[in-house]
Amino acid sequence: MTRLISFLFIFLFSTASLAQSSALEKSATLLVLGDSLSAGYNMDIKQSWPSLLPDVLANYDKAVTVVNGSISGDTTGNGLARLPQLLESHTPDIVLIELGANDGLRGFPPKLMSANLEKIIDQVVSAGAKPIMMQIKIPPNYGKRYNQQFEYVYTSLSDHKNIPLLPFFLEHIILKPEWMMNDGLHPKPEAQPWIAEFVAKELYQYL
């Protein structure tokens, strides 16, 4: 009887361990659709936060393959144009949308940006993937009214489409001049590990 109980205990423990191991080994594919803030601007792509993200997410027991589909200078319109090919090529499970900074810096109408982002979200959903947006903010010198309209695009789409909205990492980085490049817009390589930790902490609950 004692041997039988021991055997059952070992069998159940092994089964549970295998199930847990399988869950950890199953890797989801995350596509980062972004601009220079995600593309590794003026640095080796291996130093960029999307490249560091899988190792950080592993600390949260999340096995994730990250595809960095970010291009410096991209607007929401550029991202929308490139998205179909990215979805077809990589069939992601999740798409993190980090776009809009260049729309804002060029003074594009928030309504245009909102329309582009909504189309991006709809395409992601139609492809069977989960969309997640990152809140983007622009410098205050663009005026209070434009800034409010710009930021409202993200909160309103998040509510309307019922999708997660991650906070903007640059708000924290910009407070550390030693982490910012001379242009005052892009984080240095030294800031990338912190960004990866920040994004992972906000993102893991949705994976």
N, C-alpha and C. Protein backbone atom coordinates (compact mmCIF):
# COMPACT_ATOMS: atom_id res chain seq x y z
N MET A 1 0.83 -1.21 0.00
CA MET A 1 0.00 0.00 0.00
C MET A 1 0.86 1.26 0.00
N THR A 2 1.92 1.23 0.83
CA THR A 2 2.83 2.37 0.92
C THR A 2 3.52 2.61 -0.42
N ARG A 3 3.92 1.47 -1.08
CA ARG A 3 4.57 1.59 -2.38
C ARG A 3 3.62 2.20 -3.43
N LEU A 4 2.34 1.81 -3.36
CA LEU A 4 1.35 2.32 -4.30
C LEU A 4 1.16 3.82 -4.14
N ILE A 5 1.07 4.26 -2.88
CA ILE A 5 0.91 5.70 -2.59
C ILE A 5 2.13 6.47 -3.09
N SER A 6 3.31 5.92 -2.86
CA SER A 6 4.54 6.59 -3.31
C SER A 6 4.57 6.69 -4.82
N PHE A 7 4.15 5.59 -5.49
CA PHE A 7 4.13 5.59 -6.95
C PHE A 7 3.17 6.64 -7.49
N LEU A 8 1.98 6.72 -6.89
CA LEU A 8 0.98 7.70 -7.33
C LEU A 8 1.48 9.12 -7.12
N PHE A 9 2.16 9.35 -6.00
CA PHE A 9 2.68 10.69 -5.71
C PHE A 9 3.73 11.10 -6.74
N ILE A 10 4.63 10.15 -7.06
CA ILE A 10 5.68 10.43 -8.04
C ILE A 10 5.07 10.68 -9.41
N PHE A 11 4.06 9.87 -9.76
CA PHE A 11 3.40 10.00 -11.07
C PHE A 11 2.72 11.36 -11.20
N LEU A 12 1.97 11.76 -10.17
CA LEU A 12 1.26 13.03 -10.21
C LEU A 12 2.22 14.20 -10.23
N PHE A 13 3.30 14.11 -9.45
CA PHE A 13 4.29 15.18 -9.41
C PHE A 13 4.98 15.34 -10.77
N SER A 14 5.32 14.19 -11.39
CA SER A 14 5.97 14.22 -12.70
C SER A 14 5.06 14.80 -13.76
N THR A 15 3.79 14.42 -13.70
CA THR A 15 2.81 14.93 -14.67
C THR A 15 2.65 16.43 -14.55
N ALA A 16 2.56 16.91 -13.32
CA ALA A 16 2.42 18.35 -13.08
C ALA A 16 3.65 19.11 -13.55
N SER A 17 4.82 18.53 -13.30
CA SER A 17 6.06 19.19 -13.71
C SER A 17 6.16 19.27 -15.22
N LEU A 18 5.75 18.17 -15.90
CA LEU A 18 5.78 18.17 -17.36
C LEU A 18 4.82 19.19 -17.94
N ALA A 19 3.65 19.29 -17.32
CA ALA A 19 2.65 20.25 -17.79
C ALA A 19 3.16 21.67 -17.63
N GLN A 20 3.80 21.93 -16.48
CA GLN A 20 4.34 23.27 -16.24
C GLN A 20 5.47 23.56 -17.21
N SER A 21 6.33 22.56 -17.45
CA SER A 21 7.45 22.74 -18.38
C SER A 21 6.95 23.02 -19.79
N SER A 22 5.90 22.30 -20.21
CA SER A 22 5.34 22.50 -21.54
C SER A 22 4.77 23.89 -21.69
N ALA A 23 4.12 24.37 -20.62
CA ALA A 23 3.53 25.71 -20.66
C ALA A 23 4.61 26.77 -20.82
N LEU A 24 5.74 26.55 -20.14
CA LEU A 24 6.81 27.54 -20.22
C LEU A 24 7.52 27.46 -21.57
N GLU A 25 7.57 26.24 -22.15
CA GLU A 25 8.27 26.07 -23.41
C GLU A 25 7.47 26.62 -24.59
N LYS A 26 6.15 26.71 -24.45
CA LYS A 26 5.32 27.21 -25.54
C LYS A 26 5.52 28.71 -25.67
N SER A 27 6.14 29.10 -26.75
CA SER A 27 6.51 30.50 -26.92
C SER A 27 5.47 31.24 -27.76
N ALA A 28 5.02 32.38 -27.24
CA ALA A 28 4.15 33.26 -28.00
C ALA A 28 5.01 34.20 -28.83
N THR A 29 4.48 34.66 -29.95
CA THR A 29 5.21 35.61 -30.80
C THR A 29 4.63 37.01 -30.62
N LEU A 30 5.49 37.92 -30.23
CA LEU A 30 5.11 39.32 -30.02
C LEU A 30 5.75 40.17 -31.11
N LEU A 31 4.92 40.86 -31.87
CA LEU A 31 5.40 41.80 -32.88
C LEU A 31 5.37 43.21 -32.30
N VAL A 32 6.51 43.89 -32.34
CA VAL A 32 6.57 45.29 -31.92
C VAL A 32 6.49 46.14 -33.17
N LEU A 33 5.40 46.87 -33.32
CA LEU A 33 5.20 47.75 -34.46
C LEU A 33 5.45 49.17 -33.98
N GLY A 34 6.66 49.66 -34.24
CA GLY A 34 7.03 50.94 -33.66
C GLY A 34 7.89 51.80 -34.56
N ASP A 35 8.44 52.85 -33.95
CA ASP A 35 9.30 53.80 -34.65
C ASP A 35 10.69 53.77 -34.04
N SER A 36 11.40 54.89 -34.08
CA SER A 36 12.79 54.92 -33.60
C SER A 36 12.92 54.61 -32.12
N LEU A 37 11.87 54.83 -31.35
CA LEU A 37 11.93 54.54 -29.92
C LEU A 37 12.06 53.05 -29.64
N SER A 38 11.69 52.24 -30.63
CA SER A 38 11.79 50.78 -30.49
C SER A 38 12.78 50.16 -31.47
N ALA A 39 13.21 50.92 -32.45
CA ALA A 39 14.02 50.37 -33.54
C ALA A 39 15.51 50.29 -33.22
N GLY A 40 15.92 50.75 -32.04
CA GLY A 40 17.34 50.76 -31.73
C GLY A 40 18.07 51.87 -32.46
N TYR A 41 17.52 53.06 -32.37
CA TYR A 41 18.06 54.24 -33.07
C TYR A 41 19.50 54.52 -32.65
N ASN A 42 20.39 54.59 -33.66
CA ASN A 42 21.82 54.88 -33.45
C ASN A 42 22.50 53.92 -32.48
N MET A 43 22.11 52.64 -32.56
CA MET A 43 22.76 51.63 -31.73
C MET A 43 22.64 50.28 -32.42
N ASP A 44 23.41 49.32 -31.95
CA ASP A 44 23.28 47.95 -32.44
C ASP A 44 21.90 47.45 -32.05
N ILE A 45 21.20 46.81 -33.00
CA ILE A 45 19.84 46.36 -32.76
C ILE A 45 19.77 45.41 -31.56
N LYS A 46 20.86 44.70 -31.29
CA LYS A 46 20.89 43.77 -30.15
C LYS A 46 20.81 44.51 -28.82
N GLN A 47 21.12 45.82 -28.84
CA GLN A 47 21.06 46.62 -27.61
C GLN A 47 19.67 47.18 -27.35
N SER A 48 18.81 47.14 -28.35
CA SER A 48 17.49 47.76 -28.22
C SER A 48 16.61 46.98 -27.24
N TRP A 49 15.67 47.69 -26.61
CA TRP A 49 14.84 47.04 -25.59
C TRP A 49 14.02 45.87 -26.13
N PRO A 50 13.50 45.90 -27.40
CA PRO A 50 12.79 44.70 -27.86
C PRO A 50 13.67 43.46 -27.92
N SER A 51 14.97 43.65 -28.21
CA SER A 51 15.88 42.51 -28.25
C SER A 51 16.14 41.96 -26.85
N LEU A 52 16.06 42.82 -25.84
CA LEU A 52 16.30 42.40 -24.46
C LEU A 52 15.05 41.85 -23.79
N LEU A 53 13.90 42.14 -24.39
CA LEU A 53 12.61 41.82 -23.76
C LEU A 53 12.39 40.33 -23.48
N PRO A 54 12.72 39.40 -24.39
CA PRO A 54 12.47 37.99 -24.11
C PRO A 54 13.11 37.49 -22.82
N ASP A 55 14.36 37.89 -22.58
CA ASP A 55 15.05 37.44 -21.37
C ASP A 55 14.40 38.01 -20.11
N VAL A 56 13.92 39.24 -20.19
CA VAL A 56 13.26 39.84 -19.03
C VAL A 56 11.91 39.17 -18.78
N LEU A 57 11.16 38.91 -19.85
CA LEU A 57 9.85 38.26 -19.69
C LEU A 57 9.99 36.83 -19.16
N ALA A 58 11.13 36.21 -19.42
CA ALA A 58 11.37 34.87 -18.89
C ALA A 58 11.37 34.88 -17.36
N ASN A 59 11.74 36.02 -16.78
CA ASN A 59 11.70 36.15 -15.32
C ASN A 59 10.28 36.16 -14.79
N TYR A 60 9.32 36.43 -15.68
CA TYR A 60 7.90 36.40 -15.32
C TYR A 60 7.26 35.08 -15.79
N ASP A 61 8.11 34.10 -16.10
CA ASP A 61 7.64 32.80 -16.60
C ASP A 61 6.85 32.95 -17.89
N LYS A 62 7.26 33.90 -18.74
CA LYS A 62 6.63 34.11 -20.03
C LYS A 62 7.65 33.83 -21.13
N ALA A 63 7.37 32.80 -21.93
CA ALA A 63 8.25 32.48 -23.05
C ALA A 63 7.73 33.22 -24.28
N VAL A 64 8.47 34.22 -24.73
CA VAL A 64 8.01 35.09 -25.81
C VAL A 64 9.11 35.27 -26.84
N THR A 65 8.75 35.08 -28.11
CA THR A 65 9.64 35.41 -29.22
C THR A 65 9.25 36.79 -29.71
N VAL A 66 10.19 37.71 -29.72
CA VAL A 66 9.91 39.10 -30.10
C VAL A 66 10.41 39.37 -31.52
N VAL A 67 9.50 39.84 -32.36
CA VAL A 67 9.84 40.29 -33.70
C VAL A 67 9.79 41.81 -33.70
N ASN A 68 10.91 42.44 -33.96
CA ASN A 68 10.95 43.90 -33.94
C ASN A 68 10.66 44.44 -35.34
N GLY A 69 9.42 44.88 -35.54
CA GLY A 69 9.01 45.43 -36.81
C GLY A 69 9.01 46.95 -36.81
N SER A 70 9.92 47.53 -36.06
CA SER A 70 9.98 48.98 -35.91
C SER A 70 10.96 49.61 -36.90
N ILE A 71 10.60 50.79 -37.40
CA ILE A 71 11.48 51.53 -38.32
C ILE A 71 11.52 53.00 -37.88
N SER A 72 12.73 53.52 -37.77
CA SER A 72 12.90 54.91 -37.36
C SER A 72 12.19 55.84 -38.34
N GLY A 73 11.49 56.81 -37.80
CA GLY A 73 10.79 57.80 -38.63
C GLY A 73 9.37 57.42 -39.00
N ASP A 74 8.97 56.21 -38.68
CA ASP A 74 7.63 55.77 -39.07
C ASP A 74 6.53 56.55 -38.36
N THR A 75 5.49 56.85 -39.12
CA THR A 75 4.25 57.42 -38.59
C THR A 75 3.24 56.30 -38.46
N THR A 76 2.06 56.63 -37.95
CA THR A 76 0.99 55.63 -37.89
C THR A 76 0.61 55.19 -39.31
N GLY A 77 0.67 56.11 -40.26
CA GLY A 77 0.37 55.77 -41.65
C GLY A 77 1.37 54.78 -42.23
N ASN A 78 2.66 54.99 -41.93
CA ASN A 78 3.70 54.07 -42.39
C ASN A 78 3.49 52.68 -41.77
N GLY A 79 3.21 52.67 -40.48
CA GLY A 79 2.98 51.40 -39.79
C GLY A 79 1.79 50.65 -40.37
N LEU A 80 0.73 51.39 -40.67
CA LEU A 80 -0.46 50.79 -41.27
C LEU A 80 -0.14 50.17 -42.62
N ALA A 81 0.67 50.85 -43.40
CA ALA A 81 1.03 50.35 -44.74
C ALA A 81 1.88 49.09 -44.66
N ARG A 82 2.74 48.99 -43.65
CA ARG A 82 3.65 47.85 -43.52
C ARG A 82 3.03 46.66 -42.82
N LEU A 83 1.96 46.89 -42.07
CA LEU A 83 1.40 45.87 -41.19
C LEU A 83 0.97 44.58 -41.90
N PRO A 84 0.24 44.64 -43.02
CA PRO A 84 -0.21 43.39 -43.63
C PRO A 84 0.91 42.39 -43.91
N GLN A 85 2.03 42.89 -44.42
CA GLN A 85 3.15 41.99 -44.71
C GLN A 85 3.75 41.42 -43.44
N LEU A 86 3.85 42.25 -42.40
CA LEU A 86 4.38 41.76 -41.12
C LEU A 86 3.48 40.69 -40.52
N LEU A 87 2.18 40.89 -40.60
CA LEU A 87 1.25 39.91 -40.07
C LEU A 87 1.33 38.60 -40.84
N GLU A 88 1.46 38.70 -42.14
CA GLU A 88 1.54 37.50 -42.97
C GLU A 88 2.85 36.75 -42.76
N SER A 89 3.94 37.51 -42.61
CA SER A 89 5.26 36.89 -42.49
C SER A 89 5.49 36.25 -41.13
N HIS A 90 4.96 36.85 -40.07
CA HIS A 90 5.31 36.42 -38.72
C HIS A 90 4.16 35.81 -37.93
N THR A 91 2.93 35.93 -38.42
CA THR A 91 1.74 35.43 -37.72
C THR A 91 1.85 35.59 -36.20
N PRO A 92 1.96 36.81 -35.71
CA PRO A 92 2.14 37.04 -34.27
C PRO A 92 0.89 36.71 -33.47
N ASP A 93 1.11 36.41 -32.20
CA ASP A 93 0.00 36.22 -31.26
C ASP A 93 -0.42 37.55 -30.63
N ILE A 94 0.57 38.43 -30.46
CA ILE A 94 0.33 39.75 -29.86
C ILE A 94 1.05 40.79 -30.69
N VAL A 95 0.45 41.97 -30.83
CA VAL A 95 1.10 43.08 -31.51
C VAL A 95 1.12 44.27 -30.57
N LEU A 96 2.31 44.74 -30.23
CA LEU A 96 2.47 45.94 -29.41
C LEU A 96 2.65 47.13 -30.34
N ILE A 97 1.70 48.04 -30.31
CA ILE A 97 1.69 49.20 -31.21
C ILE A 97 2.34 50.39 -30.51
N GLU A 98 3.54 50.75 -30.96
CA GLU A 98 4.27 51.89 -30.39
C GLU A 98 4.46 52.90 -31.52
N LEU A 99 3.41 53.61 -31.87
CA LEU A 99 3.45 54.56 -32.97
C LEU A 99 2.70 55.83 -32.61
N GLY A 100 3.09 56.92 -33.27
CA GLY A 100 2.39 58.18 -33.07
C GLY A 100 3.30 59.35 -32.76
N ALA A 101 4.51 59.06 -32.25
CA ALA A 101 5.42 60.15 -31.89
C ALA A 101 5.75 61.02 -33.10
N ASN A 102 6.00 60.39 -34.24
CA ASN A 102 6.34 61.16 -35.44
C ASN A 102 5.14 61.90 -36.01
N ASP A 103 3.95 61.35 -35.83
CA ASP A 103 2.73 62.08 -36.21
C ASP A 103 2.65 63.38 -35.42
N GLY A 104 2.91 63.25 -34.11
CA GLY A 104 2.82 64.43 -33.24
C GLY A 104 3.89 65.45 -33.53
N LEU A 105 5.13 64.98 -33.73
CA LEU A 105 6.23 65.90 -33.99
C LEU A 105 6.05 66.64 -35.31
N ARG A 106 5.31 66.04 -36.23
CA ARG A 106 5.03 66.69 -37.51
C ARG A 106 3.72 67.47 -37.51
N GLY A 107 3.06 67.44 -36.37
CA GLY A 107 1.83 68.21 -36.24
C GLY A 107 0.65 67.64 -37.02
N PHE A 108 0.65 66.33 -37.26
CA PHE A 108 -0.46 65.72 -37.99
C PHE A 108 -1.76 65.83 -37.19
N PRO A 109 -2.90 65.93 -37.85
CA PRO A 109 -4.18 66.01 -37.14
C PRO A 109 -4.43 64.76 -36.29
N PRO A 110 -4.79 64.92 -35.03
CA PRO A 110 -5.08 63.75 -34.19
C PRO A 110 -6.14 62.83 -34.78
N LYS A 111 -7.10 63.40 -35.53
CA LYS A 111 -8.14 62.55 -36.14
C LYS A 111 -7.55 61.59 -37.16
N LEU A 112 -6.55 62.05 -37.91
CA LEU A 112 -5.88 61.19 -38.88
C LEU A 112 -5.13 60.08 -38.16
N MET A 113 -4.41 60.43 -37.12
CA MET A 113 -3.67 59.45 -36.34
C MET A 113 -4.61 58.43 -35.73
N SER A 114 -5.73 58.89 -35.20
CA SER A 114 -6.71 58.00 -34.60
C SER A 114 -7.26 57.02 -35.63
N ALA A 115 -7.56 57.52 -36.83
CA ALA A 115 -8.09 56.65 -37.88
C ALA A 115 -7.07 55.58 -38.27
N ASN A 116 -5.80 55.97 -38.37
CA ASN A 116 -4.75 55.01 -38.72
C ASN A 116 -4.60 53.94 -37.63
N LEU A 117 -4.57 54.38 -36.39
CA LEU A 117 -4.41 53.44 -35.27
C LEU A 117 -5.60 52.48 -35.19
N GLU A 118 -6.78 52.99 -35.45
CA GLU A 118 -7.97 52.13 -35.40
C GLU A 118 -7.89 51.06 -36.50
N LYS A 119 -7.43 51.45 -37.67
CA LYS A 119 -7.28 50.48 -38.77
C LYS A 119 -6.20 49.44 -38.41
N ILE A 120 -5.14 49.89 -37.77
CA ILE A 120 -4.10 48.96 -37.33
C ILE A 120 -4.68 47.94 -36.36
N ILE A 121 -5.41 48.43 -35.38
CA ILE A 121 -6.03 47.55 -34.39
C ILE A 121 -6.96 46.55 -35.06
N ASP A 122 -7.78 47.03 -35.98
CA ASP A 122 -8.74 46.15 -36.66
C ASP A 122 -8.03 45.08 -37.48
N GLN A 123 -6.93 45.45 -38.13
CA GLN A 123 -6.17 44.47 -38.92
C GLN A 123 -5.55 43.41 -38.02
N VAL A 124 -5.03 43.84 -36.88
CA VAL A 124 -4.42 42.91 -35.93
C VAL A 124 -5.47 41.90 -35.44
N VAL A 125 -6.64 42.40 -35.08
CA VAL A 125 -7.72 41.53 -34.60
C VAL A 125 -8.16 40.57 -35.70
N SER A 126 -8.29 41.09 -36.92
CA SER A 126 -8.71 40.25 -38.05
C SER A 126 -7.72 39.13 -38.33
N ALA A 127 -6.45 39.38 -38.01
CA ALA A 127 -5.40 38.37 -38.22
C ALA A 127 -5.35 37.35 -37.08
N GLY A 128 -6.22 37.52 -36.09
CA GLY A 128 -6.26 36.59 -34.97
C GLY A 128 -5.25 36.87 -33.89
N ALA A 129 -4.68 38.08 -33.88
CA ALA A 129 -3.71 38.47 -32.86
C ALA A 129 -4.34 39.45 -31.87
N LYS A 130 -3.65 39.64 -30.77
CA LYS A 130 -4.14 40.53 -29.71
C LYS A 130 -3.40 41.86 -29.80
N PRO A 131 -4.12 42.97 -30.01
CA PRO A 131 -3.44 44.28 -30.05
C PRO A 131 -3.27 44.89 -28.66
N ILE A 132 -2.12 45.50 -28.46
CA ILE A 132 -1.83 46.25 -27.24
C ILE A 132 -1.19 47.56 -27.69
N MET A 133 -1.66 48.67 -27.14
CA MET A 133 -1.10 49.97 -27.51
C MET A 133 -0.22 50.52 -26.41
N MET A 134 0.73 51.36 -26.82
CA MET A 134 1.50 52.13 -25.85
C MET A 134 1.09 53.59 -25.97
N GLN A 135 0.80 54.18 -24.83
CA GLN A 135 0.48 55.61 -24.79
C GLN A 135 1.71 56.40 -25.22
N ILE A 136 1.54 57.29 -26.18
CA ILE A 136 2.63 58.15 -26.63
C ILE A 136 2.31 59.58 -26.24
N LYS A 137 3.33 60.30 -25.81
CA LYS A 137 3.17 61.71 -25.48
C LYS A 137 4.24 62.52 -26.20
N ILE A 138 3.94 63.80 -26.43
CA ILE A 138 4.87 64.68 -27.15
C ILE A 138 5.24 65.86 -26.26
N PRO A 139 6.30 66.59 -26.62
CA PRO A 139 6.73 67.73 -25.80
C PRO A 139 5.63 68.77 -25.61
N PRO A 140 5.62 69.45 -24.46
CA PRO A 140 4.56 70.42 -24.15
C PRO A 140 4.54 71.65 -25.04
N ASN A 141 5.64 71.90 -25.78
CA ASN A 141 5.69 73.12 -26.60
C ASN A 141 4.77 73.06 -27.82
N TYR A 142 4.08 71.95 -28.01
CA TYR A 142 3.10 71.85 -29.09
C TYR A 142 1.75 72.45 -28.70
N GLY A 143 1.66 72.89 -27.47
CA GLY A 143 0.44 73.55 -27.02
C GLY A 143 -0.46 72.60 -26.25
N LYS A 144 -1.14 73.17 -25.25
CA LYS A 144 -1.99 72.37 -24.37
C LYS A 144 -3.12 71.68 -25.14
N ARG A 145 -3.76 72.41 -26.04
CA ARG A 145 -4.91 71.87 -26.76
C ARG A 145 -4.50 70.68 -27.64
N TYR A 146 -3.42 70.85 -28.40
CA TYR A 146 -2.96 69.77 -29.28
C TYR A 146 -2.51 68.57 -28.45
N ASN A 147 -1.81 68.82 -27.36
CA ASN A 147 -1.34 67.73 -26.50
C ASN A 147 -2.51 66.94 -25.93
N GLN A 148 -3.53 67.64 -25.49
CA GLN A 148 -4.71 66.96 -24.93
C GLN A 148 -5.40 66.11 -25.98
N GLN A 149 -5.56 66.67 -27.18
CA GLN A 149 -6.19 65.91 -28.27
C GLN A 149 -5.35 64.70 -28.65
N PHE A 150 -4.04 64.91 -28.67
CA PHE A 150 -3.11 63.84 -29.03
C PHE A 150 -3.21 62.68 -28.03
N GLU A 151 -3.13 62.99 -26.75
CA GLU A 151 -3.16 61.94 -25.74
C GLU A 151 -4.52 61.26 -25.67
N TYR A 152 -5.57 62.01 -25.96
CA TYR A 152 -6.92 61.46 -25.91
C TYR A 152 -7.13 60.38 -26.97
N VAL A 153 -6.39 60.46 -28.08
CA VAL A 153 -6.50 59.45 -29.13
C VAL A 153 -6.27 58.06 -28.53
N TYR A 154 -5.26 57.94 -27.69
CA TYR A 154 -4.89 56.63 -27.14
C TYR A 154 -5.89 56.15 -26.09
N THR A 155 -6.25 57.02 -25.18
CA THR A 155 -7.18 56.61 -24.12
C THR A 155 -8.56 56.27 -24.70
N SER A 156 -9.01 57.05 -25.68
CA SER A 156 -10.32 56.81 -26.25
C SER A 156 -10.34 55.51 -27.07
N LEU A 157 -9.28 55.26 -27.85
CA LEU A 157 -9.21 54.01 -28.61
C LEU A 157 -9.10 52.80 -27.70
N SER A 158 -8.35 52.95 -26.62
CA SER A 158 -8.21 51.86 -25.67
C SER A 158 -9.56 51.50 -25.07
N ASP A 159 -10.34 52.51 -24.72
CA ASP A 159 -11.68 52.27 -24.16
C ASP A 159 -12.63 51.72 -25.21
N HIS A 160 -12.62 52.35 -26.38
CA HIS A 160 -13.56 51.98 -27.44
C HIS A 160 -13.31 50.56 -27.96
N LYS A 161 -12.04 50.22 -28.11
CA LYS A 161 -11.67 48.90 -28.65
C LYS A 161 -11.43 47.87 -27.54
N ASN A 162 -11.46 48.32 -26.30
CA ASN A 162 -11.25 47.44 -25.15
C ASN A 162 -9.92 46.69 -25.25
N ILE A 163 -8.85 47.48 -25.45
CA ILE A 163 -7.51 46.89 -25.52
C ILE A 163 -6.61 47.55 -24.48
N PRO A 164 -5.59 46.83 -24.03
CA PRO A 164 -4.67 47.38 -23.02
C PRO A 164 -3.90 48.59 -23.55
N LEU A 165 -3.64 49.52 -22.65
CA LEU A 165 -2.85 50.71 -22.96
C LEU A 165 -1.70 50.78 -21.97
N LEU A 166 -0.47 50.59 -22.47
CA LEU A 166 0.70 50.64 -21.60
C LEU A 166 1.18 52.07 -21.45
N PRO A 167 1.71 52.43 -20.27
CA PRO A 167 2.24 53.78 -20.08
C PRO A 167 3.49 54.02 -20.92
N PHE A 168 3.79 55.28 -21.18
CA PHE A 168 4.90 55.69 -22.03
C PHE A 168 6.21 55.67 -21.26
N PHE A 169 7.14 54.84 -21.68
CA PHE A 169 8.40 54.69 -20.94
C PHE A 169 9.26 55.94 -21.00
N LEU A 170 9.16 56.72 -22.08
CA LEU A 170 10.06 57.86 -22.26
C LEU A 170 9.86 58.93 -21.18
N GLU A 171 8.67 58.97 -20.59
CA GLU A 171 8.41 59.94 -19.52
C GLU A 171 9.39 59.78 -18.36
N HIS A 172 9.81 58.55 -18.12
CA HIS A 172 10.74 58.28 -17.02
C HIS A 172 12.18 58.48 -17.47
N ILE A 173 12.48 58.07 -18.69
CA ILE A 173 13.84 58.18 -19.22
C ILE A 173 14.27 59.63 -19.36
N ILE A 174 13.36 60.48 -19.80
CA ILE A 174 13.70 61.87 -20.10
C ILE A 174 14.10 62.65 -18.84
N LEU A 175 13.76 62.10 -17.68
CA LEU A 175 14.14 62.73 -16.42
C LEU A 175 15.59 62.45 -16.06
N LYS A 176 16.23 61.56 -16.82
CA LYS A 176 17.62 61.21 -16.59
C LYS A 176 18.44 61.64 -17.82
N PRO A 177 18.97 62.85 -17.83
CA PRO A 177 19.71 63.36 -19.00
C PRO A 177 20.84 62.44 -19.45
N GLU A 178 21.42 61.72 -18.50
CA GLU A 178 22.53 60.83 -18.85
C GLU A 178 22.06 59.62 -19.67
N TRP A 179 20.76 59.39 -19.71
CA TRP A 179 20.19 58.29 -20.49
C TRP A 179 19.66 58.74 -21.85
N MET A 180 19.70 60.06 -22.12
CA MET A 180 19.15 60.59 -23.36
C MET A 180 20.25 61.01 -24.33
N MET A 181 20.01 60.77 -25.61
CA MET A 181 20.94 61.22 -26.64
C MET A 181 20.90 62.74 -26.75
N ASN A 182 21.86 63.29 -27.47
CA ASN A 182 21.97 64.75 -27.56
C ASN A 182 20.77 65.41 -28.22
N ASP A 183 19.99 64.64 -29.00
CA ASP A 183 18.81 65.23 -29.65
C ASP A 183 17.66 65.45 -28.68
N GLY A 184 17.78 64.89 -27.47
CA GLY A 184 16.74 65.07 -26.46
C GLY A 184 15.47 64.27 -26.74
N LEU A 185 15.52 63.37 -27.73
CA LEU A 185 14.33 62.60 -28.12
C LEU A 185 14.49 61.09 -27.97
N HIS A 186 15.74 60.62 -28.04
CA HIS A 186 15.96 59.17 -28.08
C HIS A 186 16.80 58.69 -26.90
N PRO A 187 16.39 57.57 -26.31
CA PRO A 187 17.18 57.00 -25.21
C PRO A 187 18.48 56.37 -25.72
N LYS A 188 19.51 56.46 -24.91
CA LYS A 188 20.80 55.85 -25.22
C LYS A 188 20.75 54.32 -25.00
N PRO A 189 21.78 53.61 -25.47
CA PRO A 189 21.86 52.17 -25.19
C PRO A 189 21.81 51.86 -23.69
N GLU A 190 22.39 52.76 -22.89
CA GLU A 190 22.41 52.52 -21.44
C GLU A 190 21.01 52.47 -20.83
N ALA A 191 20.04 53.08 -21.50
CA ALA A 191 18.67 53.11 -20.98
C ALA A 191 17.86 51.88 -21.39
N GLN A 192 18.33 51.13 -22.37
CA GLN A 192 17.53 50.04 -22.95
C GLN A 192 17.20 48.92 -21.96
N PRO A 193 18.13 48.50 -21.10
CA PRO A 193 17.75 47.46 -20.12
C PRO A 193 16.63 47.92 -19.18
N TRP A 194 16.67 49.18 -18.76
CA TRP A 194 15.60 49.69 -17.90
C TRP A 194 14.27 49.69 -18.65
N ILE A 195 14.29 50.10 -19.91
CA ILE A 195 13.06 50.13 -20.71
C ILE A 195 12.50 48.72 -20.85
N ALA A 196 13.37 47.75 -21.12
CA ALA A 196 12.92 46.36 -21.25
C ALA A 196 12.25 45.88 -19.96
N GLU A 197 12.82 46.23 -18.82
CA GLU A 197 12.23 45.86 -17.52
C GLU A 197 10.87 46.55 -17.34
N PHE A 198 10.80 47.82 -17.70
CA PHE A 198 9.57 48.60 -17.56
C PHE A 198 8.46 48.01 -18.43
N VAL A 199 8.79 47.75 -19.69
CA VAL A 199 7.79 47.21 -20.62
C VAL A 199 7.34 45.82 -20.18
N ALA A 200 8.29 44.99 -19.77
CA ALA A 200 7.95 43.63 -19.33
C ALA A 200 7.00 43.66 -18.13
N LYS A 201 7.28 44.54 -17.19
CA LYS A 201 6.44 44.65 -15.99
C LYS A 201 5.01 45.04 -16.34
N GLU A 202 4.86 45.93 -17.34
CA GLU A 202 3.53 46.38 -17.75
C GLU A 202 2.85 45.37 -18.68
N LEU A 203 3.66 44.62 -19.42
CA LEU A 203 3.14 43.79 -20.50
C LEU A 203 2.77 42.37 -20.09
N TYR A 204 3.51 41.80 -19.15
CA TYR A 204 3.42 40.35 -18.90
C TYR A 204 2.00 39.90 -18.54
N GLN A 205 1.23 40.76 -17.88
CA GLN A 205 -0.12 40.37 -17.44
C GLN A 205 -1.08 40.16 -18.61
N TYR A 206 -0.71 40.67 -19.79
CA TYR A 206 -1.58 40.54 -20.96
C TYR A 206 -1.13 39.43 -21.90
N LEU A 207 -0.05 38.73 -21.56
CA LEU A 207 0.47 37.69 -22.45
C LEU A 207 -0.13 36.33 -22.14
